[in-house]
PDB file of all heavy atoms in Angstrom:
ATOM      1  N   ASN A   1     -84.491 -55.297  77.911  1.00  0.00           N
ATOM      2  CA  ASN A   1     -84.982 -56.628  77.528  1.00  0.00           C
ATOM      3  C   ASN A   1     -86.484 -56.811  77.725  1.00  0.00           C
ATOM      4  O   ASN A   1     -86.943 -57.899  78.076  1.00  0.00           O
ATOM      5  CB  ASN A   1     -84.217 -57.736  78.265  1.00  0.00           C
ATOM      6  CG  ASN A   1     -82.761 -57.733  77.870  1.00  0.00           C
ATOM      7  OD1 ASN A   1     -82.441 -57.615  76.682  1.00  0.00           O
ATOM      8  ND2 ASN A   1     -81.881 -57.836  78.844  1.00  0.00           N
ATOM      9  N   LEU A   2     -87.251 -55.748  77.516  1.00  0.00           N
ATOM     10  CA  LEU A   2     -88.706 -55.848  77.585  1.00  0.00           C
ATOM     11  C   LEU A   2     -89.259 -55.988  76.173  1.00  0.00           C
ATOM     12  O   LEU A   2     -88.708 -55.434  75.228  1.00  0.00           O
ATOM     13  CB  LEU A   2     -89.310 -54.604  78.239  1.00  0.00           C
ATOM     14  CG  LEU A   2     -88.918 -54.338  79.680  1.00  0.00           C
ATOM     15  CD1 LEU A   2     -89.684 -53.144  80.208  1.00  0.00           C
ATOM     16  CD2 LEU A   2     -89.174 -55.546  80.557  1.00  0.00           C
ATOM     17  N   GLY A   3     -90.351 -56.718  76.043  1.00  0.00           N
ATOM     18  CA  GLY A   3     -91.031 -56.814  74.751  1.00  0.00           C
ATOM     19  C   GLY A   3     -91.800 -55.533  74.499  1.00  0.00           C
ATOM     20  O   GLY A   3     -92.482 -55.035  75.391  1.00  0.00           O
ATOM     21  N   CYS A   4     -91.666 -54.998  73.294  1.00  0.00           N
ATOM     22  CA  CYS A   4     -92.357 -53.761  72.940  1.00  0.00           C
ATOM     23  C   CYS A   4     -92.959 -53.902  71.548  1.00  0.00           C
ATOM     24  O   CYS A   4     -92.430 -54.640  70.711  1.00  0.00           O
ATOM     25  CB  CYS A   4     -91.400 -52.578  72.913  1.00  0.00           C
ATOM     26  SG  CYS A   4     -90.654 -52.203  74.484  1.00  0.00           S
ATOM     27  N   PHE A   5     -94.024 -53.164  71.307  1.00  0.00           N
ATOM     28  CA  PHE A   5     -94.615 -53.146  69.977  1.00  0.00           C
ATOM     29  C   PHE A   5     -95.257 -51.795  69.734  1.00  0.00           C
ATOM     30  O   PHE A   5     -95.970 -51.269  70.588  1.00  0.00           O
ATOM     31  CB  PHE A   5     -95.669 -54.250  69.816  1.00  0.00           C
ATOM     32  CG  PHE A   5     -96.303 -54.247  68.459  1.00  0.00           C
ATOM     33  CD1 PHE A   5     -95.588 -54.665  67.348  1.00  0.00           C
ATOM     34  CD2 PHE A   5     -97.606 -53.809  68.288  1.00  0.00           C
ATOM     35  CE1 PHE A   5     -96.157 -54.646  66.084  1.00  0.00           C
ATOM     36  CE2 PHE A   5     -98.186 -53.792  67.027  1.00  0.00           C
ATOM     37  CZ  PHE A   5     -97.458 -54.212  65.934  1.00  0.00           C
ATOM     38  N   ILE A   6     -94.973 -51.245  68.558  1.00  0.00           N
ATOM     39  CA  ILE A   6     -95.617 -50.023  68.090  1.00  0.00           C
ATOM     40  C   ILE A   6     -96.173 -50.329  66.705  1.00  0.00           C
ATOM     41  O   ILE A   6     -95.403 -50.694  65.809  1.00  0.00           O
ATOM     42  CB  ILE A   6     -94.628 -48.836  68.003  1.00  0.00           C
ATOM     43  CG1 ILE A   6     -94.066 -48.497  69.384  1.00  0.00           C
ATOM     44  CG2 ILE A   6     -95.310 -47.618  67.384  1.00  0.00           C
ATOM     45  CD1 ILE A   6     -92.988 -47.426  69.362  1.00  0.00           C
ATOM     46  N   PRO A   7     -97.491 -50.205  66.503  1.00  0.00           N
ATOM     47  CA  PRO A   7     -98.040 -50.419  65.161  1.00  0.00           C
ATOM     48  C   PRO A   7     -97.483 -49.363  64.202  1.00  0.00           C
ATOM     49  O   PRO A   7     -97.540 -48.169  64.497  1.00  0.00           O
ATOM     50  CB  PRO A   7     -99.546 -50.247  65.340  1.00  0.00           C
ATOM     51  CG  PRO A   7     -99.791 -50.282  66.805  1.00  0.00           C
ATOM     52  CD  PRO A   7     -98.524 -49.903  67.476  1.00  0.00           C
ATOM     53  N   MET A   8     -96.924 -49.829  63.087  1.00  0.00           N
ATOM     54  CA  MET A   8     -96.290 -48.916  62.121  1.00  0.00           C
ATOM     55  C   MET A   8     -96.942 -49.094  60.746  1.00  0.00           C
ATOM     56  O   MET A   8     -97.490 -50.152  60.445  1.00  0.00           O
ATOM     57  CB  MET A   8     -94.796 -49.232  62.003  1.00  0.00           C
ATOM     58  CG  MET A   8     -94.029 -49.207  63.313  1.00  0.00           C
ATOM     59  SD  MET A   8     -93.693 -47.581  63.936  1.00  0.00           S
ATOM     60  CE  MET A   8     -92.297 -47.112  62.944  1.00  0.00           C
ATOM     61  N   GLN A   9     -96.842 -48.045  59.927  1.00  0.00           N
ATOM     62  CA  GLN A   9     -97.305 -48.126  58.547  1.00  0.00           C
ATOM     63  C   GLN A   9     -96.449 -47.227  57.675  1.00  0.00           C
ATOM     64  O   GLN A   9     -95.814 -46.301  58.170  1.00  0.00           O
ATOM     65  CB  GLN A   9     -98.775 -47.739  58.440  1.00  0.00           C
ATOM     66  CG  GLN A   9     -99.046 -46.274  58.711  1.00  0.00           C
ATOM     67  CD  GLN A   9    -100.525 -45.937  58.678  1.00  0.00           C
ATOM     68  OE1 GLN A   9    -101.348 -46.763  58.350  1.00  0.00           O
ATOM     69  NE2 GLN A   9    -100.860 -44.713  59.015  1.00  0.00           N
ATOM     70  N   TYR A  10     -96.438 -47.527  56.386  1.00  0.00           N
ATOM     71  CA  TYR A  10     -95.689 -46.691  55.450  1.00  0.00           C
ATOM     72  C   TYR A  10     -96.535 -45.498  55.056  1.00  0.00           C
ATOM     73  O   TYR A  10     -97.727 -45.629  54.767  1.00  0.00           O
ATOM     74  CB  TYR A  10     -95.309 -47.489  54.201  1.00  0.00           C
ATOM     75  CG  TYR A  10     -94.154 -48.420  54.445  1.00  0.00           C
ATOM     76  CD1 TYR A  10     -94.363 -49.780  54.596  1.00  0.00           C
ATOM     77  CD2 TYR A  10     -92.849 -47.928  54.549  1.00  0.00           C
ATOM     78  CE1 TYR A  10     -93.302 -50.640  54.842  1.00  0.00           C
ATOM     79  CE2 TYR A  10     -91.787 -48.778  54.799  1.00  0.00           C
ATOM     80  CZ  TYR A  10     -92.019 -50.133  54.940  1.00  0.00           C
ATOM     81  OH  TYR A  10     -90.967 -50.969  55.188  1.00  0.00           O
ATOM     82  N   LYS A  11     -95.929 -44.325  55.059  1.00  0.00           N
ATOM     83  CA  LYS A  11     -96.579 -43.081  54.629  1.00  0.00           C
ATOM     84  C   LYS A  11     -95.689 -42.432  53.582  1.00  0.00           C
ATOM     85  O   LYS A  11     -94.462 -42.456  53.700  1.00  0.00           O
ATOM     86  CB  LYS A  11     -96.722 -42.095  55.801  1.00  0.00           C
ATOM     87  CG  LYS A  11     -97.760 -42.461  56.805  1.00  0.00           C
ATOM     88  CD  LYS A  11     -99.099 -41.927  56.410  1.00  0.00           C
ATOM     89  CE  LYS A  11    -100.084 -42.261  57.502  1.00  0.00           C
ATOM     90  NZ  LYS A  11    -101.294 -41.589  57.449  1.00  0.00           N
ATOM     91  N   ILE A  12     -96.312 -41.851  52.591  1.00  0.00           N
ATOM     92  CA  ILE A  12     -95.584 -41.107  51.567  1.00  0.00           C
ATOM     93  C   ILE A  12     -95.665 -39.631  51.936  1.00  0.00           C
ATOM     94  O   ILE A  12     -96.743 -39.109  52.208  1.00  0.00           O
ATOM     95  CB  ILE A  12     -96.217 -41.315  50.164  1.00  0.00           C
ATOM     96  CG1 ILE A  12     -96.300 -42.788  49.808  1.00  0.00           C
ATOM     97  CG2 ILE A  12     -95.465 -40.504  49.120  1.00  0.00           C
ATOM     98  CD1 ILE A  12     -94.995 -43.463  49.496  1.00  0.00           C
ATOM     99  N   SER A  13     -94.517 -38.987  51.989  1.00  0.00           N
ATOM    100  CA  SER A  13     -94.511 -37.547  52.248  1.00  0.00           C
ATOM    101  C   SER A  13     -93.552 -36.889  51.258  1.00  0.00           C
ATOM    102  O   SER A  13     -92.744 -37.558  50.615  1.00  0.00           O
ATOM    103  CB  SER A  13     -94.092 -37.254  53.696  1.00  0.00           C
ATOM    104  OG  SER A  13     -92.804 -37.769  53.939  1.00  0.00           O
ATOM    105  N   ILE A  14     -93.650 -35.600  51.150  1.00  0.00           N
ATOM    106  CA  ILE A  14     -92.785 -34.844  50.245  1.00  0.00           C
ATOM    107  C   ILE A  14     -91.710 -34.146  51.073  1.00  0.00           C
ATOM    108  O   ILE A  14     -92.029 -33.391  51.997  1.00  0.00           O
ATOM    109  CB  ILE A  14     -93.584 -33.778  49.448  1.00  0.00           C
ATOM    110  CG1 ILE A  14     -94.802 -34.395  48.751  1.00  0.00           C
ATOM    111  CG2 ILE A  14     -92.680 -33.037  48.482  1.00  0.00           C
ATOM    112  CD1 ILE A  14     -94.473 -35.327  47.614  1.00  0.00           C
ATOM    113  N   ARG A  15     -90.446 -34.443  50.775  1.00  0.00           N
ATOM    114  CA  ARG A  15     -89.323 -33.785  51.458  1.00  0.00           C
ATOM    115  C   ARG A  15     -88.380 -33.236  50.411  1.00  0.00           C
ATOM    116  O   ARG A  15     -87.899 -33.971  49.557  1.00  0.00           O
ATOM    117  CB  ARG A  15     -88.572 -34.782  52.346  1.00  0.00           C
ATOM    118  CG  ARG A  15     -89.359 -35.166  53.576  1.00  0.00           C
ATOM    119  CD  ARG A  15     -88.471 -35.732  54.665  1.00  0.00           C
ATOM    120  NE  ARG A  15     -89.324 -36.282  55.705  1.00  0.00           N
ATOM    121  CZ  ARG A  15     -89.220 -37.514  56.174  1.00  0.00           C
ATOM    122  NH1 ARG A  15     -88.289 -38.324  55.737  1.00  0.00           N
ATOM    123  NH2 ARG A  15     -90.031 -37.934  57.112  1.00  0.00           N
ATOM    124  N   LYS A  16     -88.148 -31.949  50.489  1.00  0.00           N
ATOM    125  CA  LYS A  16     -87.269 -31.267  49.529  1.00  0.00           C
ATOM    126  C   LYS A  16     -87.683 -31.567  48.092  1.00  0.00           C
ATOM    127  O   LYS A  16     -86.857 -31.824  47.224  1.00  0.00           O
ATOM    128  CB  LYS A  16     -85.808 -31.658  49.761  1.00  0.00           C
ATOM    129  CG  LYS A  16     -85.291 -31.240  51.126  1.00  0.00           C
ATOM    130  CD  LYS A  16     -83.847 -31.616  51.306  1.00  0.00           C
ATOM    131  CE  LYS A  16     -83.390 -31.233  52.708  1.00  0.00           C
ATOM    132  NZ  LYS A  16     -82.029 -31.637  52.969  1.00  0.00           N
ATOM    133  N   GLY A  17     -89.003 -31.567  47.869  1.00  0.00           N
ATOM    134  CA  GLY A  17     -89.530 -31.762  46.525  1.00  0.00           C
ATOM    135  C   GLY A  17     -89.570 -33.195  46.039  1.00  0.00           C
ATOM    136  O   GLY A  17     -89.974 -33.450  44.905  1.00  0.00           O
ATOM    137  N   LYS A  18     -89.179 -34.164  46.861  1.00  0.00           N
ATOM    138  CA  LYS A  18     -89.178 -35.563  46.440  1.00  0.00           C
ATOM    139  C   LYS A  18     -90.116 -36.375  47.324  1.00  0.00           C
ATOM    140  O   LYS A  18     -90.246 -36.108  48.517  1.00  0.00           O
ATOM    141  CB  LYS A  18     -87.771 -36.155  46.533  1.00  0.00           C
ATOM    142  CG  LYS A  18     -86.809 -35.556  45.546  1.00  0.00           C
ATOM    143  CD  LYS A  18     -85.486 -36.286  45.587  1.00  0.00           C
ATOM    144  CE  LYS A  18     -84.548 -35.655  44.557  1.00  0.00           C
ATOM    145  NZ  LYS A  18     -83.310 -36.388  44.442  1.00  0.00           N
ATOM    146  N   LYS A  19     -90.736 -37.390  46.700  1.00  0.00           N
ATOM    147  CA  LYS A  19     -91.582 -38.300  47.465  1.00  0.00           C
ATOM    148  C   LYS A  19     -90.689 -39.232  48.273  1.00  0.00           C
ATOM    149  O   LYS A  19     -89.762 -39.825  47.735  1.00  0.00           O
ATOM    150  CB  LYS A  19     -92.455 -39.138  46.538  1.00  0.00           C
ATOM    151  CG  LYS A  19     -93.646 -38.413  45.996  1.00  0.00           C
ATOM    152  CD  LYS A  19     -94.543 -39.361  45.231  1.00  0.00           C
ATOM    153  CE  LYS A  19     -95.742 -38.635  44.686  1.00  0.00           C
ATOM    154  NZ  LYS A  19     -96.628 -39.555  43.954  1.00  0.00           N
ATOM    155  N   VAL A  20     -91.002 -39.351  49.562  1.00  0.00           N
ATOM    156  CA  VAL A  20     -90.241 -40.212  50.455  1.00  0.00           C
ATOM    157  C   VAL A  20     -91.219 -41.172  51.135  1.00  0.00           C
ATOM    158  O   VAL A  20     -92.242 -40.742  51.676  1.00  0.00           O
ATOM    159  CB  VAL A  20     -89.494 -39.377  51.529  1.00  0.00           C
ATOM    160  CG1 VAL A  20     -88.758 -40.279  52.497  1.00  0.00           C
ATOM    161  CG2 VAL A  20     -88.551 -38.396  50.876  1.00  0.00           C
ATOM    162  N   ARG A  21     -90.896 -42.466  51.095  1.00  0.00           N
ATOM    163  CA  ARG A  21     -91.715 -43.484  51.763  1.00  0.00           C
ATOM    164  C   ARG A  21     -91.056 -43.797  53.098  1.00  0.00           C
ATOM    165  O   ARG A  21     -89.917 -44.256  53.140  1.00  0.00           O
ATOM    166  CB  ARG A  21     -91.780 -44.735  50.892  1.00  0.00           C
ATOM    167  CG  ARG A  21     -92.683 -45.800  51.442  1.00  0.00           C
ATOM    168  CD  ARG A  21     -92.764 -46.960  50.439  1.00  0.00           C
ATOM    169  NE  ARG A  21     -93.642 -47.995  50.917  1.00  0.00           N
ATOM    170  CZ  ARG A  21     -93.295 -49.257  51.062  1.00  0.00           C
ATOM    171  NH1 ARG A  21     -92.078 -49.662  50.728  1.00  0.00           N
ATOM    172  NH2 ARG A  21     -94.151 -50.141  51.512  1.00  0.00           N
ATOM    173  N   ALA A  22     -91.775 -43.506  54.186  1.00  0.00           N
ATOM    174  CA  ALA A  22     -91.196 -43.704  55.521  1.00  0.00           C
ATOM    175  C   ALA A  22     -92.121 -44.551  56.383  1.00  0.00           C
ATOM    176  O   ALA A  22     -93.349 -44.473  56.272  1.00  0.00           O
ATOM    177  CB  ALA A  22     -90.967 -42.355  56.189  1.00  0.00           C
ATOM    178  N   LEU A  23     -91.513 -45.361  57.245  1.00  0.00           N
ATOM    179  CA  LEU A  23     -92.257 -46.178  58.198  1.00  0.00           C
ATOM    180  C   LEU A  23     -92.479 -45.340  59.459  1.00  0.00           C
ATOM    181  O   LEU A  23     -91.518 -44.901  60.097  1.00  0.00           O
ATOM    182  CB  LEU A  23     -91.447 -47.439  58.517  1.00  0.00           C
ATOM    183  CG  LEU A  23     -92.164 -48.583  59.206  1.00  0.00           C
ATOM    184  CD1 LEU A  23     -93.368 -49.054  58.399  1.00  0.00           C
ATOM    185  CD2 LEU A  23     -91.208 -49.742  59.415  1.00  0.00           C
ATOM    186  N   VAL A  24     -93.744 -45.082  59.777  1.00  0.00           N
ATOM    187  CA  VAL A  24     -94.081 -44.212  60.912  1.00  0.00           C
ATOM    188  C   VAL A  24     -95.131 -44.875  61.803  1.00  0.00           C
ATOM    189  O   VAL A  24     -95.876 -45.742  61.345  1.00  0.00           O
ATOM    190  CB  VAL A  24     -94.620 -42.845  60.427  1.00  0.00           C
ATOM    191  CG1 VAL A  24     -93.567 -42.088  59.632  1.00  0.00           C
ATOM    192  CG2 VAL A  24     -95.887 -43.000  59.607  1.00  0.00           C
ATOM    193  N   PRO A  25     -95.206 -44.475  63.068  1.00  0.00           N
ATOM    194  CA  PRO A  25     -96.239 -45.032  63.960  1.00  0.00           C
ATOM    195  C   PRO A  25     -97.642 -44.705  63.448  1.00  0.00           C
ATOM    196  O   PRO A  25     -97.889 -43.603  62.956  1.00  0.00           O
ATOM    197  CB  PRO A  25     -95.975 -44.330  65.292  1.00  0.00           C
ATOM    198  CG  PRO A  25     -94.536 -43.925  65.226  1.00  0.00           C
ATOM    199  CD  PRO A  25     -94.287 -43.588  63.783  1.00  0.00           C
ATOM    200  N   VAL A  26     -98.549 -45.662  63.565  1.00  0.00           N
ATOM    201  CA  VAL A  26     -99.939 -45.450  63.166  1.00  0.00           C
ATOM    202  C   VAL A  26    -100.601 -44.475  64.132  1.00  0.00           C
ATOM    203  O   VAL A  26    -101.310 -43.568  63.724  1.00  0.00           O
ATOM    204  CB  VAL A  26    -100.710 -46.795  63.165  1.00  0.00           C
ATOM    205  CG1 VAL A  26    -102.195 -46.579  62.939  1.00  0.00           C
ATOM    206  CG2 VAL A  26    -100.140 -47.712  62.104  1.00  0.00           C
ATOM    207  N   VAL A  27    -100.375 -44.685  65.417  1.00  0.00           N
ATOM    208  CA  VAL A  27    -100.922 -43.812  66.458  1.00  0.00           C
ATOM    209  C   VAL A  27     -99.737 -43.269  67.233  1.00  0.00           C
ATOM    210  O   VAL A  27     -99.006 -44.025  67.866  1.00  0.00           O
ATOM    211  CB  VAL A  27    -101.851 -44.591  67.417  1.00  0.00           C
ATOM    212  CG1 VAL A  27    -102.365 -43.684  68.518  1.00  0.00           C
ATOM    213  CG2 VAL A  27    -103.000 -45.227  66.654  1.00  0.00           C
ATOM    214  N   HIS A  28     -99.542 -41.970  67.138  1.00  0.00           N
ATOM    215  CA  HIS A  28     -98.420 -41.385  67.875  1.00  0.00           C
ATOM    216  C   HIS A  28     -98.653 -41.499  69.376  1.00  0.00           C
ATOM    217  O   HIS A  28     -99.786 -41.465  69.847  1.00  0.00           O
ATOM    218  CB  HIS A  28     -98.204 -39.923  67.474  1.00  0.00           C
ATOM    219  CG  HIS A  28     -97.567 -39.800  66.135  1.00  0.00           C
ATOM    220  ND1 HIS A  28     -96.261 -40.164  65.892  1.00  0.00           N
ATOM    221  CD2 HIS A  28     -98.064 -39.406  64.950  1.00  0.00           C
ATOM    222  CE1 HIS A  28     -95.981 -39.976  64.627  1.00  0.00           C
ATOM    223  NE2 HIS A  28     -97.068 -39.525  64.025  1.00  0.00           N
ATOM    224  N   ASN A  29     -97.567 -41.666  70.095  1.00  0.00           N
ATOM    225  CA  ASN A  29     -97.550 -41.728  71.557  1.00  0.00           C
ATOM    226  C   ASN A  29     -98.043 -43.042  72.155  1.00  0.00           C
ATOM    227  O   ASN A  29     -98.161 -43.157  73.359  1.00  0.00           O
ATOM    228  CB  ASN A  29     -98.331 -40.570  72.187  1.00  0.00           C
ATOM    229  CG  ASN A  29     -97.824 -39.240  71.713  1.00  0.00           C
ATOM    230  OD1 ASN A  29     -96.633 -39.069  71.475  1.00  0.00           O
ATOM    231  ND2 ASN A  29     -98.713 -38.287  71.528  1.00  0.00           N
ATOM    232  N   LEU A  30     -98.334 -44.061  71.326  1.00  0.00           N
ATOM    233  CA  LEU A  30     -98.825 -45.341  71.835  1.00  0.00           C
ATOM    234  C   LEU A  30     -97.733 -46.404  71.732  1.00  0.00           C
ATOM    235  O   LEU A  30     -97.155 -46.605  70.672  1.00  0.00           O
ATOM    236  CB  LEU A  30    -100.053 -45.795  71.044  1.00  0.00           C
ATOM    237  CG  LEU A  30    -100.661 -47.143  71.431  1.00  0.00           C
ATOM    238  CD1 LEU A  30    -101.198 -47.120  72.865  1.00  0.00           C
ATOM    239  CD2 LEU A  30    -101.767 -47.509  70.459  1.00  0.00           C
ATOM    240  N   VAL A  31     -97.454 -47.060  72.883  1.00  0.00           N
ATOM    241  CA  VAL A  31     -96.465 -48.137  72.935  1.00  0.00           C
ATOM    242  C   VAL A  31     -97.075 -49.281  73.743  1.00  0.00           C
ATOM    243  O   VAL A  31     -97.642 -49.051  74.811  1.00  0.00           O
ATOM    244  CB  VAL A  31     -95.161 -47.687  73.656  1.00  0.00           C
ATOM    245  CG1 VAL A  31     -94.137 -48.803  73.673  1.00  0.00           C
ATOM    246  CG2 VAL A  31     -94.592 -46.437  73.047  1.00  0.00           C
ATOM    247  N   PHE A  32     -96.957 -50.498  73.224  1.00  0.00           N
ATOM    248  CA  PHE A  32     -97.365 -51.675  73.979  1.00  0.00           C
ATOM    249  C   PHE A  32     -96.104 -52.286  74.569  1.00  0.00           C
ATOM    250  O   PHE A  32     -95.115 -52.473  73.866  1.00  0.00           O
ATOM    251  CB  PHE A  32     -98.069 -52.694  73.073  1.00  0.00           C
ATOM    252  CG  PHE A  32     -99.380 -52.183  72.539  1.00  0.00           C
ATOM    253  CD1 PHE A  32     -99.463 -51.650  71.265  1.00  0.00           C
ATOM    254  CD2 PHE A  32    -100.532 -52.237  73.319  1.00  0.00           C
ATOM    255  CE1 PHE A  32    -100.667 -51.185  70.763  1.00  0.00           C
ATOM    256  CE2 PHE A  32    -101.745 -51.763  72.825  1.00  0.00           C
ATOM    257  CZ  PHE A  32    -101.807 -51.239  71.543  1.00  0.00           C
TER     258      PHE A  32
END
């Protein structure tokens, strides 16, 4: 029950030949 926040953004990557839009952390390893 703690408040947490991780800044996220959408990134386009190629997986198995297809474009995939995924929500990923902006800065890895950072948690507020």
